[in-house]
C-alpha atoms as a PDB file:
ATOM      1  CA  MET A   1      32.112  13.467   8.846  1.00  0.00           C
ATOM      2  CA  ILE A   2      34.576  10.596   9.182  1.00  0.00           C
ATOM      3  CA  ARG A   3      36.416  10.285  12.493  1.00  0.00           C
ATOM      4  CA  VAL A   4      39.479   8.064  12.820  1.00  0.00           C
ATOM      5  CA  GLY A   5      41.067   7.086  16.091  1.00  0.00           C
ATOM      6  CA  ILE A   6      42.603   4.614  18.488  1.00  0.00           C
ATOM      7  CA  GLY A   7      41.709   2.912  21.755  1.00  0.00           C
ATOM      8  CA  GLY A   8      42.888   4.948  24.726  1.00  0.00           C
ATOM      9  CA  TRP A   9      46.086   6.957  24.899  1.00  0.00           C
ATOM     10  CA  THR A  10      48.152   5.220  27.572  1.00  0.00           C
ATOM     11  CA  TYR A  11      50.248   2.386  26.181  1.00  0.00           C
ATOM     12  CA  GLU A  12      53.960   2.115  26.918  1.00  0.00           C
ATOM     13  CA  PRO A  13      54.987   0.509  23.572  1.00  0.00           C
ATOM     14  CA  TRP A  14      53.788   3.704  21.840  1.00  0.00           C
ATOM     15  CA  ARG A  15      56.833   5.485  23.300  1.00  0.00           C
ATOM     16  CA  GLY A  16      59.159   6.267  20.418  1.00  0.00           C
ATOM     17  CA  LEU A  17      56.537   5.179  17.867  1.00  0.00           C
ATOM     18  CA  PHE A  18      53.693   7.582  18.578  1.00  0.00           C
ATOM     19  CA  PHE A  19      54.793   9.568  21.603  1.00  0.00           C
ATOM     20  CA  PRO A  20      58.174  11.299  21.844  1.00  0.00           C
ATOM     21  CA  GLU A  21      60.400   9.391  24.270  1.00  0.00           C
ATOM     22  CA  LYS A  22      60.530  12.220  26.810  1.00  0.00           C
ATOM     23  CA  LEU A  23      56.915  13.340  26.573  1.00  0.00           C
ATOM     24  CA  PRO A  24      55.419  13.607  30.104  1.00  0.00           C
ATOM     25  CA  LYS A  25      52.610  11.125  30.678  1.00  0.00           C
ATOM     26  CA  THR A  26      50.382  14.044  31.629  1.00  0.00           C
ATOM     27  CA  LYS A  27      50.714  15.300  28.031  1.00  0.00           C
ATOM     28  CA  GLU A  28      49.795  12.060  26.299  1.00  0.00           C
ATOM     29  CA  LEU A  29      46.140  12.947  25.707  1.00  0.00           C
ATOM     30  CA  PHE A  30      47.122  16.424  24.481  1.00  0.00           C
ATOM     31  CA  HIS A  31      49.541  14.840  22.004  1.00  0.00           C
ATOM     32  CA  ALA A  32      47.271  12.011  20.842  1.00  0.00           C
ATOM     33  CA  SER A  33      44.241  14.243  20.321  1.00  0.00           C
ATOM     34  CA  ARG A  34      46.227  16.329  17.838  1.00  0.00           C
ATOM     35  CA  ARG A  35      47.318  13.323  15.797  1.00  0.00           C
ATOM     36  CA  VAL A  36      43.967  11.510  15.508  1.00  0.00           C
ATOM     37  CA  THR A  37      40.420  12.853  15.410  1.00  0.00           C
ATOM     38  CA  SER A  38      38.788  10.581  17.983  1.00  0.00           C
ATOM     39  CA  ILE A  39      39.627   8.190  20.814  1.00  0.00           C
ATOM     40  CA  GLU A  40      37.634   5.246  22.124  1.00  0.00           C
ATOM     41  CA  VAL A  41      37.950   5.193  25.917  1.00  0.00           C
ATOM     42  CA  ASN A  42      38.227   1.671  27.296  1.00  0.00           C
ATOM     43  CA  GLY A  43      38.722   2.674  30.940  1.00  0.00           C
ATOM     44  CA  THR A  44      35.044   3.493  31.385  1.00  0.00           C
ATOM     45  CA  PHE A  45      34.315  -0.197  30.832  1.00  0.00           C
ATOM     46  CA  TYR A  46      36.295  -1.192  33.915  1.00  0.00           C
ATOM     47  CA  GLY A  47      35.747   1.658  36.351  1.00  0.00           C
ATOM     48  CA  THR A  48      33.705   4.731  37.212  1.00  0.00           C
ATOM     49  CA  PHE A  49      35.143   8.140  36.429  1.00  0.00           C
ATOM     50  CA  ASN A  50      34.058  11.465  37.907  1.00  0.00           C
ATOM     51  CA  PRO A  51      32.923  14.787  36.400  1.00  0.00           C
ATOM     52  CA  LYS A  52      36.325  16.372  37.080  1.00  0.00           C
ATOM     53  CA  THR A  53      38.037  13.783  34.872  1.00  0.00           C
ATOM     54  CA  PHE A  54      35.643  14.298  31.986  1.00  0.00           C
ATOM     55  CA  ARG A  55      36.072  18.082  32.275  1.00  0.00           C
ATOM     56  CA  LYS A  56      39.839  17.610  32.159  1.00  0.00           C
ATOM     57  CA  TRP A  57      39.551  15.569  28.971  1.00  0.00           C
ATOM     58  CA  PHE A  58      37.343  18.248  27.455  1.00  0.00           C
ATOM     59  CA  ASP A  59      39.836  20.984  28.300  1.00  0.00           C
ATOM     60  CA  GLU A  60      42.901  19.125  26.974  1.00  0.00           C
ATOM     61  CA  THR A  61      41.558  18.301  23.520  1.00  0.00           C
ATOM     62  CA  PRO A  62      40.875  20.371  20.370  1.00  0.00           C
ATOM     63  CA  ASP A  63      37.456  21.932  19.851  1.00  0.00           C
ATOM     64  CA  ASP A  64      36.473  19.446  17.140  1.00  0.00           C
ATOM     65  CA  PHE A  65      37.714  16.336  18.953  1.00  0.00           C
ATOM     66  CA  VAL A  66      35.334  13.504  19.887  1.00  0.00           C
ATOM     67  CA  PHE A  67      35.486  10.736  22.492  1.00  0.00           C
ATOM     68  CA  SER A  68      33.698   7.423  22.246  1.00  0.00           C
ATOM     69  CA  LEU A  69      33.058   5.872  25.657  1.00  0.00           C
ATOM     70  CA  LYS A  70      32.826   2.139  26.250  1.00  0.00           C
ATOM     71  CA  ALA A  71      29.894   1.565  28.588  1.00  0.00           C
ATOM     72  CA  PRO A  72      30.590  -0.220  31.899  1.00  0.00           C
ATOM     73  CA  ARG A  73      30.826  -3.983  32.071  1.00  0.00           C
ATOM     74  CA  PHE A  74      28.207  -4.030  34.825  1.00  0.00           C
ATOM     75  CA  ALA A  75      25.634  -2.971  32.231  1.00  0.00           C
ATOM     76  CA  VAL A  76      26.491  -5.563  29.589  1.00  0.00           C
ATOM     77  CA  ASN A  77      28.061  -8.575  31.312  1.00  0.00           C
ATOM     78  CA  ARG A  78      24.804  -9.895  32.679  1.00  0.00           C
ATOM     79  CA  ARG A  79      22.378 -12.708  31.985  1.00  0.00           C
ATOM     80  CA  VAL A  80      19.391 -10.385  31.534  1.00  0.00           C
ATOM     81  CA  LEU A  81      20.235  -7.191  29.658  1.00  0.00           C
ATOM     82  CA  GLY A  82      16.786  -5.820  30.296  1.00  0.00           C
ATOM     83  CA  GLU A  83      17.737  -5.422  33.973  1.00  0.00           C
ATOM     84  CA  ALA A  84      20.671  -3.079  33.226  1.00  0.00           C
ATOM     85  CA  GLY A  85      18.730   0.126  33.890  1.00  0.00           C
ATOM     86  CA  PRO A  86      20.408   1.090  37.210  1.00  0.00           C
ATOM     87  CA  SER A  87      23.898   0.498  35.763  1.00  0.00           C
ATOM     88  CA  ILE A  88      23.097   2.606  32.708  1.00  0.00           C
ATOM     89  CA  THR A  89      21.821   5.432  34.882  1.00  0.00           C
ATOM     90  CA  LYS A  90      24.866   5.295  37.166  1.00  0.00           C
ATOM     91  CA  PHE A  91      27.178   5.514  34.163  1.00  0.00           C
ATOM     92  CA  LEU A  92      25.406   8.493  32.633  1.00  0.00           C
ATOM     93  CA  GLU A  93      25.269  10.293  35.968  1.00  0.00           C
ATOM     94  CA  SER A  94      29.008   9.836  36.538  1.00  0.00           C
ATOM     95  CA  GLY A  95      29.699  13.019  34.588  1.00  0.00           C
ATOM     96  CA  VAL A  96      29.842  12.006  30.924  1.00  0.00           C
ATOM     97  CA  SER A  97      27.885  15.117  29.950  1.00  0.00           C
ATOM     98  CA  GLU A  98      30.919  17.185  30.997  1.00  0.00           C
ATOM     99  CA  LEU A  99      32.345  16.203  27.604  1.00  0.00           C
ATOM    100  CA  LYS A 100      29.604  18.346  26.035  1.00  0.00           C
ATOM    101  CA  SER A 101      30.074  18.548  22.254  1.00  0.00           C
ATOM    102  CA  LYS A 102      32.982  16.107  22.470  1.00  0.00           C
ATOM    103  CA  LEU A 103      30.809  13.227  23.619  1.00  0.00           C
ATOM    104  CA  GLY A 104      30.600  10.838  20.700  1.00  0.00           C
ATOM    105  CA  PRO A 105      28.989   7.386  20.527  1.00  0.00           C
ATOM    106  CA  ILE A 106      28.612   5.189  23.576  1.00  0.00           C
ATOM    107  CA  LEU A 107      29.784   1.654  22.844  1.00  0.00           C
ATOM    108  CA  TRP A 108      27.856  -1.199  24.445  1.00  0.00           C
ATOM    109  CA  GLN A 109      29.987  -4.311  23.963  1.00  0.00           C
ATOM    110  CA  LEU A 110      28.315  -7.630  24.717  1.00  0.00           C
ATOM    111  CA  PRO A 111      30.409 -10.605  25.895  1.00  0.00           C
ATOM    112  CA  PRO A 112      31.105 -13.405  23.381  1.00  0.00           C
ATOM    113  CA  PHE A 113      28.882 -15.841  25.267  1.00  0.00           C
ATOM    114  CA  LYS A 114      25.808 -13.576  25.114  1.00  0.00           C
ATOM    115  CA  LYS A 115      23.339 -15.108  22.665  1.00  0.00           C
ATOM    116  CA  TYR A 116      20.560 -13.331  20.842  1.00  0.00           C
ATOM    117  CA  VAL A 117      17.233 -13.341  22.674  1.00  0.00           C
ATOM    118  CA  ALA A 118      14.798 -11.039  20.910  1.00  0.00           C
ATOM    119  CA  GLU A 119      12.796 -10.027  23.974  1.00  0.00           C
ATOM    120  CA  ASP A 120      15.906  -9.258  26.027  1.00  0.00           C
ATOM    121  CA  ILE A 121      17.515  -7.179  23.273  1.00  0.00           C
ATOM    122  CA  GLU A 122      14.263  -5.294  22.793  1.00  0.00           C
ATOM    123  CA  ALA A 123      14.156  -4.497  26.519  1.00  0.00           C
ATOM    124  CA  PHE A 124      17.817  -3.432  26.568  1.00  0.00           C
ATOM    125  CA  LEU A 125      17.516  -1.134  23.557  1.00  0.00           C
ATOM    126  CA  ALA A 126      14.531   0.530  25.209  1.00  0.00           C
ATOM    127  CA  LEU A 127      16.758   1.417  28.183  1.00  0.00           C
ATOM    128  CA  LEU A 128      19.183   3.463  26.079  1.00  0.00           C
ATOM    129  CA  PRO A 129      18.146   7.121  26.360  1.00  0.00           C
ATOM    130  CA  LYS A 130      18.101   9.423  23.344  1.00  0.00           C
ATOM    131  CA  THR A 131      19.293  12.393  25.385  1.00  0.00           C
ATOM    132  CA  PHE A 132      20.914  13.121  28.738  1.00  0.00           C
ATOM    133  CA  ASP A 133      21.514  16.512  30.342  1.00  0.00           C
ATOM    134  CA  GLY A 134      20.387  18.134  27.122  1.00  0.00           C
ATOM    135  CA  ILE A 135      22.946  16.239  25.017  1.00  0.00           C
ATOM    136  CA  ALA A 136      21.833  13.963  22.194  1.00  0.00           C
ATOM    137  CA  LEU A 137      23.223  10.457  22.710  1.00  0.00           C
ATOM    138  CA  ARG A 138      24.399   8.003  20.095  1.00  0.00           C
ATOM    139  CA  HIS A 139      24.583   4.311  20.894  1.00  0.00           C
ATOM    140  CA  ALA A 140      26.584   1.557  19.197  1.00  0.00           C
ATOM    141  CA  LEU A 141      26.057  -2.106  20.066  1.00  0.00           C
ATOM    142  CA  GLU A 142      28.822  -4.644  19.486  1.00  0.00           C
ATOM    143  CA  VAL A 143      27.638  -8.242  19.456  1.00  0.00           C
ATOM    144  CA  ARG A 144      30.066 -11.148  19.412  1.00  0.00           C
ATOM    145  CA  HIS A 145      27.911 -14.260  19.110  1.00  0.00           C
ATOM    146  CA  GLU A 146      26.850 -15.711  15.767  1.00  0.00           C
ATOM    147  CA  SER A 147      23.216 -15.995  16.877  1.00  0.00           C
ATOM    148  CA  PHE A 148      22.863 -12.238  16.234  1.00  0.00           C
ATOM    149  CA  GLN A 149      23.202 -12.752  12.487  1.00  0.00           C
ATOM    150  CA  VAL A 150      19.461 -12.650  11.922  1.00  0.00           C
ATOM    151  CA  GLU A 151      17.164 -10.093  10.320  1.00  0.00           C
ATOM    152  CA  ASP A 152      15.051  -9.639  13.447  1.00  0.00           C
ATOM    153  CA  PHE A 153      18.030  -8.229  15.322  1.00  0.00           C
ATOM    154  CA  ILE A 154      18.860  -5.831  12.490  1.00  0.00           C
ATOM    155  CA  HIS A 155      15.278  -4.566  12.428  1.00  0.00           C
ATOM    156  CA  GLN A 156      15.328  -4.059  16.205  1.00  0.00           C
ATOM    157  CA  ALA A 157      18.543  -2.023  16.068  1.00  0.00           C
ATOM    158  CA  ARG A 158      17.252   0.007  13.140  1.00  0.00           C
ATOM    159  CA  LYS A 159      14.003   0.789  14.928  1.00  0.00           C
ATOM    160  CA  ALA A 160      15.974   2.019  17.954  1.00  0.00           C
ATOM    161  CA  ASN A 161      18.459   3.965  15.764  1.00  0.00           C
ATOM    162  CA  VAL A 162      21.328   2.069  17.382  1.00  0.00           C
ATOM    163  CA  ALA A 163      24.395   1.319  15.253  1.00  0.00           C
ATOM    164  CA  VAL A 164      25.468  -2.310  15.086  1.00  0.00           C
ATOM    165  CA  VAL A 165      29.262  -2.313  15.221  1.00  0.00           C
ATOM    166  CA  THR A 166      31.070  -3.621  12.155  1.00  0.00           C
ATOM    167  CA  ALA A 167      34.259  -5.397  13.214  1.00  0.00           C
ATOM    168  CA  ASP A 168      36.853  -7.342  11.236  1.00  0.00           C
ATOM    169  CA  LYS A 169      37.745  -9.682  14.120  1.00  0.00           C
ATOM    170  CA  GLN A 170      37.795 -13.131  12.539  1.00  0.00           C
ATOM    171  CA  LYS A 171      36.462 -15.027  15.558  1.00  0.00           C
ATOM    172  CA  TYR A 172      33.390 -12.795  15.853  1.00  0.00           C
ATOM    173  CA  PRO A 173      30.471 -12.428  13.415  1.00  0.00           C
ATOM    174  CA  PHE A 174      30.851  -9.836  10.695  1.00  0.00           C
ATOM    175  CA  ILE A 175      27.737  -7.647  10.482  1.00  0.00           C
ATOM    176  CA  ALA A 176      27.716  -4.699   8.098  1.00  0.00           C
ATOM    177  CA  ASP A 177      24.039  -3.803   8.109  1.00  0.00           C
ATOM    178  CA  LEU A 178      23.400  -0.078   8.450  1.00  0.00           C
ATOM    179  CA  THR A 179      21.004   0.513  11.312  1.00  0.00           C
ATOM    180  CA  SER A 180      21.586   4.105  12.411  1.00  0.00           C
ATOM    181  CA  ASP A 181      22.457   7.611  11.257  1.00  0.00           C
ATOM    182  CA  PHE A 182      26.117   6.803  11.918  1.00  0.00           C
ATOM    183  CA  VAL A 183      28.499   3.892  11.379  1.00  0.00           C
ATOM    184  CA  TYR A 184      30.876   2.441  13.977  1.00  0.00           C
ATOM    185  CA  LEU A 185      33.802   0.437  12.593  1.00  0.00           C
ATOM    186  CA  ARG A 186      36.331  -1.370  14.817  1.00  0.00           C
ATOM    187  CA  LEU A 187      39.392  -2.718  12.983  1.00  0.00           C
ATOM    188  CA  GLN A 188      41.093  -5.358  15.110  1.00  0.00           C
ATOM    189  CA  GLU A 189      43.258  -7.456  12.794  1.00  0.00           C
ATOM    190  CA  ALA A 190      46.389  -5.323  12.561  1.00  0.00           C
ATOM    191  CA  ASP A 191      49.611  -7.086  11.564  1.00  0.00           C
ATOM    192  CA  ALA A 192      52.678  -6.298  13.685  1.00  0.00           C
ATOM    193  CA  GLU A 193      54.909  -6.921  10.658  1.00  0.00           C
ATOM    194  CA  ILE A 194      53.307  -4.027   8.756  1.00  0.00           C
ATOM    195  CA  LYS A 195      54.358  -0.562   9.868  1.00  0.00           C
ATOM    196  CA  THR A 196      50.836   0.794   9.442  1.00  0.00           C
ATOM    197  CA  GLY A 197      49.142  -2.331  10.800  1.00  0.00           C
ATOM    198  CA  TYR A 198      47.212  -2.869   7.597  1.00  0.00           C
ATOM    199  CA  SER A 199      48.526  -3.001   4.046  1.00  0.00           C
ATOM    200  CA  PRO A 200      48.012   0.067   1.817  1.00  0.00           C
ATOM    201  CA  ALA A 201      45.465  -1.924  -0.188  1.00  0.00           C
ATOM    202  CA  ASP A 202      43.455  -2.828   2.912  1.00  0.00           C
ATOM    203  CA  LEU A 203      43.532   0.749   4.195  1.00  0.00           C
ATOM    204  CA  GLN A 204      42.331   1.963   0.814  1.00  0.00           C
ATOM    205  CA  LYS A 205      39.528  -0.618   0.894  1.00  0.00           C
ATOM    206  CA  TRP A 206      38.281   0.537   4.289  1.00  0.00           C
ATOM    207  CA  ALA A 207      38.682   4.204   3.333  1.00  0.00           C
ATOM    208  CA  SER A 208      36.592   3.668   0.199  1.00  0.00           C
ATOM    209  CA  LEU A 209      33.933   1.938   2.254  1.00  0.00           C
ATOM    210  CA  ALA A 210      33.931   4.761   4.801  1.00  0.00           C
ATOM    211  CA  ARG A 211      33.435   7.326   2.051  1.00  0.00           C
ATOM    212  CA  SER A 212      30.510   5.335   0.694  1.00  0.00           C
ATOM    213  CA  TRP A 213      28.940   5.079   4.132  1.00  0.00           C
ATOM    214  CA  GLU A 214      29.433   8.808   4.681  1.00  0.00           C
ATOM    215  CA  LYS A 215      27.522   9.521   1.457  1.00  0.00           C
ATOM    216  CA  GLY A 216      24.639   7.395   2.695  1.00  0.00           C
ATOM    217  CA  GLU A 217      25.318   4.498   0.357  1.00  0.00           C
ATOM    218  CA  GLU A 218      25.085   0.776   1.094  1.00  0.00           C
ATOM    219  CA  PRO A 219      28.044  -0.754  -0.794  1.00  0.00           C
ATOM    220  CA  GLU A 220      27.149  -3.744  -2.933  1.00  0.00           C
ATOM    221  CA  GLN A 221      30.086  -5.860  -1.784  1.00  0.00           C
ATOM    222  CA  PHE A 222      28.272  -6.632   1.462  1.00  0.00           C
ATOM    223  CA  SER A 223      25.522  -9.204   1.693  1.00  0.00           C
ATOM    224  CA  LEU A 224      23.268  -7.300   4.031  1.00  0.00           C
ATOM    225  CA  HIS A 225      20.833  -9.292   6.124  1.00  0.00           C
ATOM    226  CA  ALA A 226      18.124  -6.661   5.842  1.00  0.00           C
ATOM    227  CA  PRO A 227      18.801  -3.897   3.277  1.00  0.00           C
ATOM    228  CA  ARG A 228      17.508  -0.522   4.337  1.00  0.00           C
ATOM    229  CA  GLY A 229      16.138   0.275   0.897  1.00  0.00           C
ATOM    230  CA  LYS A 230      15.833   4.057   0.644  1.00  0.00           C
ATOM    231  CA  PRO A 231      19.354   5.564   0.900  1.00  0.00           C
ATOM    232  CA  ARG A 232      20.243   8.245   3.411  1.00  0.00           C
ATOM    233  CA  LYS A 233      21.637  11.622   2.403  1.00  0.00           C
ATOM    234  CA  SER A 234      24.727  11.232   4.597  1.00  0.00           C
ATOM    235  CA  ARG A 235      26.122   9.565   7.712  1.00  0.00           C
ATOM    236  CA  ASP A 236      28.845  10.147  10.245  1.00  0.00           C
ATOM    237  CA  VAL A 237      31.463   7.397  10.343  1.00  0.00           C
ATOM    238  CA  PHE A 238      33.680   6.444  13.283  1.00  0.00           C
ATOM    239  CA  ILE A 239      36.717   4.221  12.637  1.00  0.00           C
ATOM    240  CA  TYR A 240      38.844   2.865  15.469  1.00  0.00           C
ATOM    241  CA  PHE A 241      41.981   0.743  15.233  1.00  0.00           C
ATOM    242  CA  ILE A 242      41.678  -1.472  18.293  1.00  0.00           C
ATOM    243  CA  ASN A 243      43.690  -4.384  19.709  1.00  0.00           C
ATOM    244  CA  GLY A 244      45.371  -6.704  17.233  1.00  0.00           C
ATOM    245  CA  ALA A 245      48.946  -5.443  17.029  1.00  0.00           C
ATOM    246  CA  LYS A 246      48.135  -2.487  19.255  1.00  0.00           C
ATOM    247  CA  GLU A 247      51.566  -0.941  18.847  1.00  0.00           C
ATOM    248  CA  ARG A 248      50.621  -0.306  15.196  1.00  0.00           C
ATOM    249  CA  ALA A 249      47.242   1.318  15.925  1.00  0.00           C
ATOM    250  CA  PRO A 250      48.391   4.981  15.875  1.00  0.00           C
ATOM    251  CA  ALA A 251      50.275   4.530  12.590  1.00  0.00           C
ATOM    252  CA  ALA A 252      47.247   2.813  11.085  1.00  0.00           C
ATOM    253  CA  ALA A 253      44.937   5.630  12.180  1.00  0.00           C
ATOM    254  CA  GLU A 254      47.269   8.324  10.872  1.00  0.00           C
ATOM    255  CA  ALA A 255      47.640   6.490   7.560  1.00  0.00           C
ATOM    256  CA  MET A 256      43.849   6.295   7.268  1.00  0.00           C
ATOM    257  CA  ILE A 257      43.526  10.009   8.010  1.00  0.00           C
ATOM    258  CA  ARG A 258      46.036  10.784   5.243  1.00  0.00           C
ATOM    259  CA  ILE A 259      44.154   8.623   2.746  1.00  0.00           C
ATOM    260  CA  LEU A 260      40.821  10.232   3.589  1.00  0.00           C
ATOM    261  CA  SER A 261      42.292  13.701   3.199  1.00  0.00           C
ATOM    262  CA  GLU A 262      43.467  13.028  -0.348  1.00  0.00           C
END
């Protein structure tokens, strides 16, 4: 399974590009969830939502739709990650399980200044539960400091079955090691001058990579820090077009969906 989506669904410049001009704001999620196959929710990073909101999202989206939720900043913007337990619990108990089958990966995004400390990362990964309210949880960890480009970190993530986010943001480290039974790709270098954000060649490149990941392969074009060795039978892949020229994100996602359907 390859899911392709965008970050959120409320963005005024999308009027006339992605949303019809006269579409009511209350229908934006309904519209967006029928044009892409997943959405990464950024709002959960900044504030606490309630069960009613998550139920509403569940009801407004297609049966096979999936949300990725960005975990709250209170859990990740801290000096000692191993002390994030109460924040993690509060987030999970806010009602995320109301998404049921539509709850996709939870994204834990570390701040750019957070350096790799093996003991702290080990403690943090141990806090991430495998299940909650009877729902299996998937966790993706996005690191943005170059000190994480070491084999020890890759082995820790792999042991915990936590996906290390692959991102094309030039100012952050590029890590493509496969550490989980799914892949989380965040594409953040869209070009406003290109209608689809990325050139056809670049979209084809990422689509080819996604297909390889889905098959369980580890493409040779990446210099992996710690190759897994034995290939998997298959993986789920999540691709999100985030930031960059955000006005181009929906067109980029739809173009990717078309390519993957060919």
